Amino acid sequence: MGAHVRFRGVRWQVVALAGQRVHLADEDGGDETVLAGRLFADEGFAVLGA
């Protein structure tokens, strides 16, 4: 939690994990929940600042 990732060309912060669901928040206050497999399979996925 707290890590920043790139998903679908957007920078997100991981704010929660629930089973295989990853809850993301963007810099504009938007949020999204995505399955971990879909997150990792995204062509542009990257862990930022690692």
N, C-alpha and C. Protein backbone atom coordinates (compact mmCIF):
# COMPACT_ATOMS: atom_id res chain seq x y z
N MET A 1 0.84 -1.17 0.00
CA MET A 1 0.00 0.00 0.00
C MET A 1 0.89 1.24 0.00
N GLY A 2 0.38 2.28 -0.64
CA GLY A 2 1.12 3.52 -0.73
C GLY A 2 1.99 3.62 -1.96
N ALA A 3 2.24 2.49 -2.63
CA ALA A 3 3.07 2.51 -3.84
C ALA A 3 2.36 3.24 -4.96
N HIS A 4 3.13 3.79 -5.87
CA HIS A 4 2.58 4.43 -7.06
C HIS A 4 2.84 3.52 -8.25
N VAL A 5 1.83 3.40 -9.10
CA VAL A 5 1.92 2.55 -10.28
C VAL A 5 1.39 3.31 -11.49
N ARG A 6 1.81 2.86 -12.68
CA ARG A 6 1.24 3.37 -13.91
C ARG A 6 0.32 2.28 -14.45
N PHE A 7 -0.93 2.64 -14.73
CA PHE A 7 -1.94 1.72 -15.25
C PHE A 7 -2.79 2.49 -16.24
N ARG A 8 -2.91 1.97 -17.46
CA ARG A 8 -3.65 2.63 -18.54
C ARG A 8 -3.17 4.06 -18.78
N GLY A 9 -1.86 4.25 -18.62
CA GLY A 9 -1.26 5.55 -18.91
C GLY A 9 -1.46 6.60 -17.83
N VAL A 10 -1.99 6.20 -16.68
CA VAL A 10 -2.27 7.13 -15.58
C VAL A 10 -1.45 6.72 -14.36
N ARG A 11 -0.98 7.70 -13.61
CA ARG A 11 -0.28 7.44 -12.34
C ARG A 11 -1.32 7.27 -11.24
N TRP A 12 -1.23 6.16 -10.52
CA TRP A 12 -2.16 5.85 -9.44
C TRP A 12 -1.39 5.55 -8.15
N GLN A 13 -2.05 5.74 -7.03
CA GLN A 13 -1.51 5.29 -5.75
C GLN A 13 -2.35 4.10 -5.29
N VAL A 14 -1.69 3.05 -4.85
CA VAL A 14 -2.39 1.89 -4.30
C VAL A 14 -2.85 2.27 -2.89
N VAL A 15 -4.17 2.28 -2.69
CA VAL A 15 -4.69 2.72 -1.39
C VAL A 15 -5.25 1.58 -0.56
N ALA A 16 -5.53 0.43 -1.19
CA ALA A 16 -6.04 -0.71 -0.43
C ALA A 16 -5.93 -1.98 -1.27
N LEU A 17 -5.84 -3.10 -0.57
CA LEU A 17 -5.85 -4.41 -1.20
C LEU A 17 -6.92 -5.23 -0.51
N ALA A 18 -7.72 -5.94 -1.30
CA ALA A 18 -8.78 -6.79 -0.75
C ALA A 18 -8.85 -8.05 -1.61
N GLY A 19 -8.27 -9.12 -1.13
CA GLY A 19 -8.21 -10.32 -1.94
C GLY A 19 -7.39 -10.03 -3.18
N GLN A 20 -7.98 -10.24 -4.35
CA GLN A 20 -7.28 -9.95 -5.60
C GLN A 20 -7.62 -8.57 -6.15
N ARG A 21 -8.36 -7.80 -5.41
CA ARG A 21 -8.73 -6.45 -5.85
C ARG A 21 -7.73 -5.44 -5.34
N VAL A 22 -7.34 -4.55 -6.25
CA VAL A 22 -6.42 -3.47 -5.92
C VAL A 22 -7.20 -2.16 -6.07
N HIS A 23 -7.25 -1.39 -5.01
CA HIS A 23 -7.97 -0.12 -5.02
C HIS A 23 -6.96 0.99 -5.28
N LEU A 24 -7.23 1.77 -6.32
CA LEU A 24 -6.31 2.80 -6.78
C LEU A 24 -6.96 4.18 -6.66
N ALA A 25 -6.13 5.19 -6.42
CA ALA A 25 -6.59 6.58 -6.42
C ALA A 25 -5.64 7.38 -7.30
N ASP A 26 -6.21 8.27 -8.14
CA ASP A 26 -5.35 9.09 -8.99
C ASP A 26 -5.15 10.47 -8.36
N GLU A 27 -4.32 11.26 -8.99
CA GLU A 27 -3.96 12.57 -8.44
C GLU A 27 -5.10 13.57 -8.47
N ASP A 28 -6.13 13.30 -9.28
CA ASP A 28 -7.27 14.21 -9.38
C ASP A 28 -8.42 13.81 -8.48
N GLY A 29 -8.21 12.82 -7.63
CA GLY A 29 -9.25 12.38 -6.71
C GLY A 29 -10.12 11.26 -7.24
N GLY A 30 -9.83 10.77 -8.44
CA GLY A 30 -10.59 9.65 -8.98
C GLY A 30 -10.15 8.35 -8.34
N ASP A 31 -11.00 7.35 -8.41
CA ASP A 31 -10.61 6.05 -7.87
C ASP A 31 -11.09 4.94 -8.79
N GLU A 32 -10.46 3.81 -8.65
CA GLU A 32 -10.80 2.65 -9.46
C GLU A 32 -10.38 1.40 -8.70
N THR A 33 -11.14 0.34 -8.89
CA THR A 33 -10.80 -0.97 -8.34
C THR A 33 -10.58 -1.91 -9.51
N VAL A 34 -9.48 -2.63 -9.47
CA VAL A 34 -9.12 -3.52 -10.58
C VAL A 34 -8.57 -4.82 -10.01
N LEU A 35 -8.81 -5.92 -10.72
CA LEU A 35 -8.22 -7.19 -10.31
C LEU A 35 -6.72 -7.14 -10.54
N ALA A 36 -5.96 -7.73 -9.64
CA ALA A 36 -4.51 -7.69 -9.73
C ALA A 36 -4.01 -8.22 -11.07
N GLY A 37 -4.58 -9.31 -11.56
CA GLY A 37 -4.15 -9.88 -12.84
C GLY A 37 -4.31 -8.91 -13.99
N ARG A 38 -5.39 -8.16 -13.98
CA ARG A 38 -5.62 -7.17 -15.03
C ARG A 38 -4.63 -6.00 -14.90
N LEU A 39 -4.35 -5.61 -13.67
CA LEU A 39 -3.39 -4.54 -13.43
C LEU A 39 -2.02 -4.93 -13.98
N PHE A 40 -1.55 -6.12 -13.61
CA PHE A 40 -0.21 -6.56 -14.01
C PHE A 40 -0.13 -6.84 -15.50
N ALA A 41 -1.24 -7.21 -16.12
CA ALA A 41 -1.25 -7.53 -17.55
C ALA A 41 -1.28 -6.29 -18.44
N ASP A 42 -1.57 -5.13 -17.86
CA ASP A 42 -1.63 -3.90 -18.65
C ASP A 42 -0.27 -3.65 -19.30
N GLU A 43 -0.28 -3.38 -20.59
CA GLU A 43 0.94 -3.18 -21.36
C GLU A 43 1.85 -2.10 -20.78
N GLY A 44 1.27 -1.04 -20.23
CA GLY A 44 2.05 0.07 -19.69
C GLY A 44 2.27 0.00 -18.19
N PHE A 45 1.89 -1.13 -17.56
CA PHE A 45 2.02 -1.24 -16.11
C PHE A 45 3.46 -1.06 -15.67
N ALA A 46 3.65 -0.28 -14.61
CA ALA A 46 4.98 -0.12 -14.02
C ALA A 46 4.80 0.31 -12.57
N VAL A 47 5.70 -0.13 -11.72
CA VAL A 47 5.78 0.39 -10.36
C VAL A 47 6.69 1.60 -10.45
N LEU A 48 6.22 2.73 -9.98
CA LEU A 48 6.97 3.98 -10.10
C LEU A 48 7.76 4.26 -8.82
N GLY A 49 8.94 4.75 -8.99
CA GLY A 49 9.77 5.12 -7.85
C GLY A 49 10.41 3.95 -7.14
N ALA A 50 10.41 2.77 -7.78
CA ALA A 50 11.00 1.59 -7.13
C ALA A 50 12.50 1.55 -7.36
